[in-house]
Amino acid sequence: MSWNINEAINWYKSQGAPGDQSALLSLLKEVQKESGGSIPVDAVPSLAAGLGVKESYLVAVVRRFPSLRMADTRCLELCAGPNCGKHRALAEAAEKLRSSGVTVKFIPCMRLCGKGPNIRWNGQTYHGATPELLARLVSPDGKKR
């Protein structure tokens, strides 16, 4: 039998979701697991409708818990470890990208210190990152602006 999101929603609703936070988190973790490691953006409307909550509420819950991850196609993660975190120009360039719809997250040390500064763009890790690399990755055509 294959996994079905509507069956999962109904089961977790019977367990108290969305009012019971542990049931809601269990549902979101299951969706994440069944979707390959992140919650698909296109699953949020189904989840919200099935649970009777706003989409923005579910997105806020996902952002609140580090173990949950949205499948964001414009997500930039910067290593904030002791070595990579020293590169202020990179962090400042990343902060400027927020206004263009990019999700920017500062994450704990990636444990790749000898190759830093390190970033992850849409799930792919890049070493020796520079503000120019960020601009190139974020631009729609993948070229320098």
C-alpha atoms as a PDB file:
ATOM      1  CA  MET A   1       0.000   0.000   0.000  1.00  0.00           C
ATOM      2  CA  SER A   2       1.404   3.382  -0.951  1.00  0.00           C
ATOM      3  CA  TRP A   3       1.510   6.414   1.288  1.00  0.00           C
ATOM      4  CA  ASN A   4      -1.344   8.915   0.904  1.00  0.00           C
ATOM      5  CA  ILE A   5      -1.178  12.457   2.267  1.00  0.00           C
ATOM      6  CA  ASN A   6      -4.953  12.686   2.803  1.00  0.00           C
ATOM      7  CA  GLU A   7      -4.975   9.490   4.844  1.00  0.00           C
ATOM      8  CA  ALA A   8      -2.078  10.831   6.902  1.00  0.00           C
ATOM      9  CA  ILE A   9      -3.920  14.116   7.501  1.00  0.00           C
ATOM     10  CA  ASN A  10      -7.045  12.280   8.614  1.00  0.00           C
ATOM     11  CA  TRP A  11      -5.115   9.973  10.921  1.00  0.00           C
ATOM     12  CA  TYR A  12      -3.216  12.808  12.608  1.00  0.00           C
ATOM     13  CA  LYS A  13      -6.435  14.822  12.931  1.00  0.00           C
ATOM     14  CA  SER A  14      -7.855  11.859  14.860  1.00  0.00           C
ATOM     15  CA  GLN A  15      -4.767  12.143  17.080  1.00  0.00           C
ATOM     16  CA  GLY A  16      -5.516  15.822  17.816  1.00  0.00           C
ATOM     17  CA  ALA A  17      -3.710  17.746  15.059  1.00  0.00           C
ATOM     18  CA  PRO A  18      -3.524  20.659  14.566  1.00  0.00           C
ATOM     19  CA  GLY A  19      -4.437  21.575  18.153  1.00  0.00           C
ATOM     20  CA  ASP A  20      -2.079  18.986  19.618  1.00  0.00           C
ATOM     21  CA  GLN A  21       1.340  20.278  18.611  1.00  0.00           C
ATOM     22  CA  SER A  22       3.041  16.884  18.908  1.00  0.00           C
ATOM     23  CA  ALA A  23       0.500  15.340  16.494  1.00  0.00           C
ATOM     24  CA  LEU A  24       0.990  18.245  14.061  1.00  0.00           C
ATOM     25  CA  LEU A  25       4.768  17.888  14.222  1.00  0.00           C
ATOM     26  CA  SER A  26       4.507  14.142  13.674  1.00  0.00           C
ATOM     27  CA  LEU A  27       2.382  14.742  10.578  1.00  0.00           C
ATOM     28  CA  LEU A  28       4.836  17.291   9.189  1.00  0.00           C
ATOM     29  CA  LYS A  29       7.772  14.956   9.885  1.00  0.00           C
ATOM     30  CA  GLU A  30       5.984  12.123   8.099  1.00  0.00           C
ATOM     31  CA  VAL A  31       5.236  14.318   5.077  1.00  0.00           C
ATOM     32  CA  GLN A  32       8.880  15.386   5.054  1.00  0.00           C
ATOM     33  CA  LYS A  33      10.107  11.776   5.252  1.00  0.00           C
ATOM     34  CA  GLU A  34       7.746  10.527   2.550  1.00  0.00           C
ATOM     35  CA  SER A  35       8.702  13.439   0.289  1.00  0.00           C
ATOM     36  CA  GLY A  36      12.404  12.750   0.313  1.00  0.00           C
ATOM     37  CA  GLY A  37      13.634  14.931   3.158  1.00  0.00           C
ATOM     38  CA  SER A  38      11.708  18.178   2.806  1.00  0.00           C
ATOM     39  CA  ILE A  39       8.085  19.285   2.820  1.00  0.00           C
ATOM     40  CA  PRO A  40       7.036  20.158  -0.736  1.00  0.00           C
ATOM     41  CA  VAL A  41       5.735  23.697  -1.138  1.00  0.00           C
ATOM     42  CA  ASP A  42       2.813  22.348  -3.173  1.00  0.00           C
ATOM     43  CA  ALA A  43       1.785  20.094  -0.252  1.00  0.00           C
ATOM     44  CA  VAL A  44       1.170  23.058   2.070  1.00  0.00           C
ATOM     45  CA  PRO A  45      -2.249  24.010   0.599  1.00  0.00           C
ATOM     46  CA  SER A  46      -3.482  20.404   0.937  1.00  0.00           C
ATOM     47  CA  LEU A  47      -2.191  20.165   4.487  1.00  0.00           C
ATOM     48  CA  ALA A  48      -3.715  23.506   5.474  1.00  0.00           C
ATOM     49  CA  ALA A  49      -7.099  22.706   3.933  1.00  0.00           C
ATOM     50  CA  GLY A  50      -7.165  19.227   5.455  1.00  0.00           C
ATOM     51  CA  LEU A  51      -6.291  20.547   8.904  1.00  0.00           C
ATOM     52  CA  GLY A  52      -8.452  23.658   8.689  1.00  0.00           C
ATOM     53  CA  VAL A  53      -5.598  26.096   9.272  1.00  0.00           C
ATOM     54  CA  LYS A  54      -3.959  28.856   7.246  1.00  0.00           C
ATOM     55  CA  GLU A  55      -1.017  28.026   5.022  1.00  0.00           C
ATOM     56  CA  SER A  56       1.006  30.760   6.728  1.00  0.00           C
ATOM     57  CA  TYR A  57       0.493  28.985  10.058  1.00  0.00           C
ATOM     58  CA  LEU A  58       2.002  25.746   8.730  1.00  0.00           C
ATOM     59  CA  VAL A  59       4.926  27.592   7.157  1.00  0.00           C
ATOM     60  CA  ALA A  60       5.554  29.332  10.498  1.00  0.00           C
ATOM     61  CA  VAL A  61       5.514  25.987  12.326  1.00  0.00           C
ATOM     62  CA  VAL A  62       8.022  24.530   9.855  1.00  0.00           C
ATOM     63  CA  ARG A  63      10.320  27.537  10.279  1.00  0.00           C
ATOM     64  CA  ARG A  64      10.116  27.249  14.063  1.00  0.00           C
ATOM     65  CA  PHE A  65      11.476  23.699  14.215  1.00  0.00           C
ATOM     66  CA  PRO A  66      15.004  23.055  12.854  1.00  0.00           C
ATOM     67  CA  SER A  67      14.201  19.389  12.175  1.00  0.00           C
ATOM     68  CA  LEU A  68      11.589  20.445   9.604  1.00  0.00           C
ATOM     69  CA  ARG A  69      12.524  21.738   6.173  1.00  0.00           C
ATOM     70  CA  MET A  70      10.479  23.208   3.357  1.00  0.00           C
ATOM     71  CA  ALA A  71      11.445  22.317  -0.184  1.00  0.00           C
ATOM     72  CA  ASP A  72      12.328  25.874  -1.051  1.00  0.00           C
ATOM     73  CA  THR A  73      13.734  26.299  -4.511  1.00  0.00           C
ATOM     74  CA  ARG A  74      15.410  29.560  -3.536  1.00  0.00           C
ATOM     75  CA  CYS A  75      17.081  28.651  -0.262  1.00  0.00           C
ATOM     76  CA  LEU A  76      20.563  29.860   0.670  1.00  0.00           C
ATOM     77  CA  GLU A  77      22.197  28.408   3.778  1.00  0.00           C
ATOM     78  CA  LEU A  78      25.396  29.953   5.050  1.00  0.00           C
ATOM     79  CA  CYS A  79      27.755  28.191   7.400  1.00  0.00           C
ATOM     80  CA  ALA A  80      27.967  30.261  10.567  1.00  0.00           C
ATOM     81  CA  GLY A  81      30.768  28.245  12.129  1.00  0.00           C
ATOM     82  CA  PRO A  82      33.805  29.881  13.715  1.00  0.00           C
ATOM     83  CA  ASN A  83      35.765  30.137  10.442  1.00  0.00           C
ATOM     84  CA  CYS A  84      33.057  30.688   7.819  1.00  0.00           C
ATOM     85  CA  GLY A  85      31.175  33.080  10.089  1.00  0.00           C
ATOM     86  CA  LYS A  86      34.094  35.538   9.943  1.00  0.00           C
ATOM     87  CA  HIS A  87      33.342  36.410   6.315  1.00  0.00           C
ATOM     88  CA  ARG A  88      31.135  39.451   6.894  1.00  0.00           C
ATOM     89  CA  ALA A  89      31.039  40.499   3.217  1.00  0.00           C
ATOM     90  CA  LEU A  90      29.460  37.153   2.342  1.00  0.00           C
ATOM     91  CA  ALA A  91      26.886  37.447   5.126  1.00  0.00           C
ATOM     92  CA  GLU A  92      26.036  41.014   4.097  1.00  0.00           C
ATOM     93  CA  ALA A  93      25.599  39.963   0.455  1.00  0.00           C
ATOM     94  CA  ALA A  94      23.331  37.122   1.570  1.00  0.00           C
ATOM     95  CA  GLU A  95      21.200  39.460   3.690  1.00  0.00           C
ATOM     96  CA  LYS A  96      20.624  41.704   0.664  1.00  0.00           C
ATOM     97  CA  LEU A  97      19.192  38.695  -1.223  1.00  0.00           C
ATOM     98  CA  ARG A  98      16.262  38.381   1.193  1.00  0.00           C
ATOM     99  CA  SER A  99      14.470  41.222  -0.590  1.00  0.00           C
ATOM    100  CA  SER A 100      14.577  39.260  -3.862  1.00  0.00           C
ATOM    101  CA  GLY A 101      12.604  36.345  -2.404  1.00  0.00           C
ATOM    102  CA  VAL A 102      15.547  34.173  -1.368  1.00  0.00           C
ATOM    103  CA  THR A 103      15.273  32.339   1.938  1.00  0.00           C
ATOM    104  CA  VAL A 104      18.521  32.962   3.816  1.00  0.00           C
ATOM    105  CA  LYS A 105      19.464  30.766   6.766  1.00  0.00           C
ATOM    106  CA  PHE A 106      22.562  30.836   8.910  1.00  0.00           C
ATOM    107  CA  ILE A 107      23.240  27.276  10.016  1.00  0.00           C
ATOM    108  CA  PRO A 108      25.711  25.727  12.484  1.00  0.00           C
ATOM    109  CA  CYS A 109      29.148  24.686  11.305  1.00  0.00           C
ATOM    110  CA  MET A 110      29.056  22.446   8.220  1.00  0.00           C
ATOM    111  CA  ARG A 111      32.317  20.807   9.344  1.00  0.00           C
ATOM    112  CA  LEU A 112      34.050  21.689   6.078  1.00  0.00           C
ATOM    113  CA  CYS A 113      36.264  24.375   7.587  1.00  0.00           C
ATOM    114  CA  GLY A 114      39.282  23.776   5.358  1.00  0.00           C
ATOM    115  CA  LYS A 115      37.183  24.494   2.256  1.00  0.00           C
ATOM    116  CA  GLY A 116      35.266  27.556   3.497  1.00  0.00           C
ATOM    117  CA  PRO A 117      33.510  29.775   3.469  1.00  0.00           C
ATOM    118  CA  ASN A 118      30.778  27.252   2.729  1.00  0.00           C
ATOM    119  CA  ILE A 119      27.229  27.756   1.529  1.00  0.00           C
ATOM    120  CA  ARG A 120      24.389  25.520   0.411  1.00  0.00           C
ATOM    121  CA  TRP A 121      22.166  26.715  -2.445  1.00  0.00           C
ATOM    122  CA  ASN A 122      19.022  24.654  -3.040  1.00  0.00           C
ATOM    123  CA  GLY A 123      20.651  21.673  -1.361  1.00  0.00           C
ATOM    124  CA  GLN A 124      24.000  21.812  -3.176  1.00  0.00           C
ATOM    125  CA  THR A 125      27.118  22.735  -1.192  1.00  0.00           C
ATOM    126  CA  TYR A 126      29.646  25.236  -2.532  1.00  0.00           C
ATOM    127  CA  HIS A 127      33.104  25.886  -1.073  1.00  0.00           C
ATOM    128  CA  GLY A 128      35.178  29.063  -1.166  1.00  0.00           C
ATOM    129  CA  ALA A 129      32.013  31.117  -1.540  1.00  0.00           C
ATOM    130  CA  THR A 130      32.167  34.796  -2.440  1.00  0.00           C
ATOM    131  CA  PRO A 131      29.552  37.527  -2.861  1.00  0.00           C
ATOM    132  CA  GLU A 132      30.070  37.149  -6.621  1.00  0.00           C
ATOM    133  CA  LEU A 133      29.210  33.452  -6.430  1.00  0.00           C
ATOM    134  CA  LEU A 134      26.012  34.292  -4.547  1.00  0.00           C
ATOM    135  CA  ALA A 135      25.002  36.789  -7.235  1.00  0.00           C
ATOM    136  CA  ARG A 136      25.685  34.232  -9.954  1.00  0.00           C
ATOM    137  CA  LEU A 137      23.722  31.465  -8.223  1.00  0.00           C
ATOM    138  CA  VAL A 138      20.727  33.663  -7.489  1.00  0.00           C
ATOM    139  CA  SER A 139      20.470  35.289 -10.904  1.00  0.00           C
ATOM    140  CA  PRO A 140      17.688  33.746 -13.029  1.00  0.00           C
ATOM    141  CA  ASP A 141      20.023  32.709 -15.840  1.00  0.00           C
ATOM    142  CA  GLY A 142      22.861  31.553 -13.553  1.00  0.00           C
ATOM    143  CA  LYS A 143      25.228  34.170 -14.955  1.00  0.00           C
ATOM    144  CA  LYS A 144      26.839  37.173 -13.396  1.00  0.00           C
ATOM    145  CA  ARG A 145      24.590  40.207 -13.162  1.00  0.00           C
END
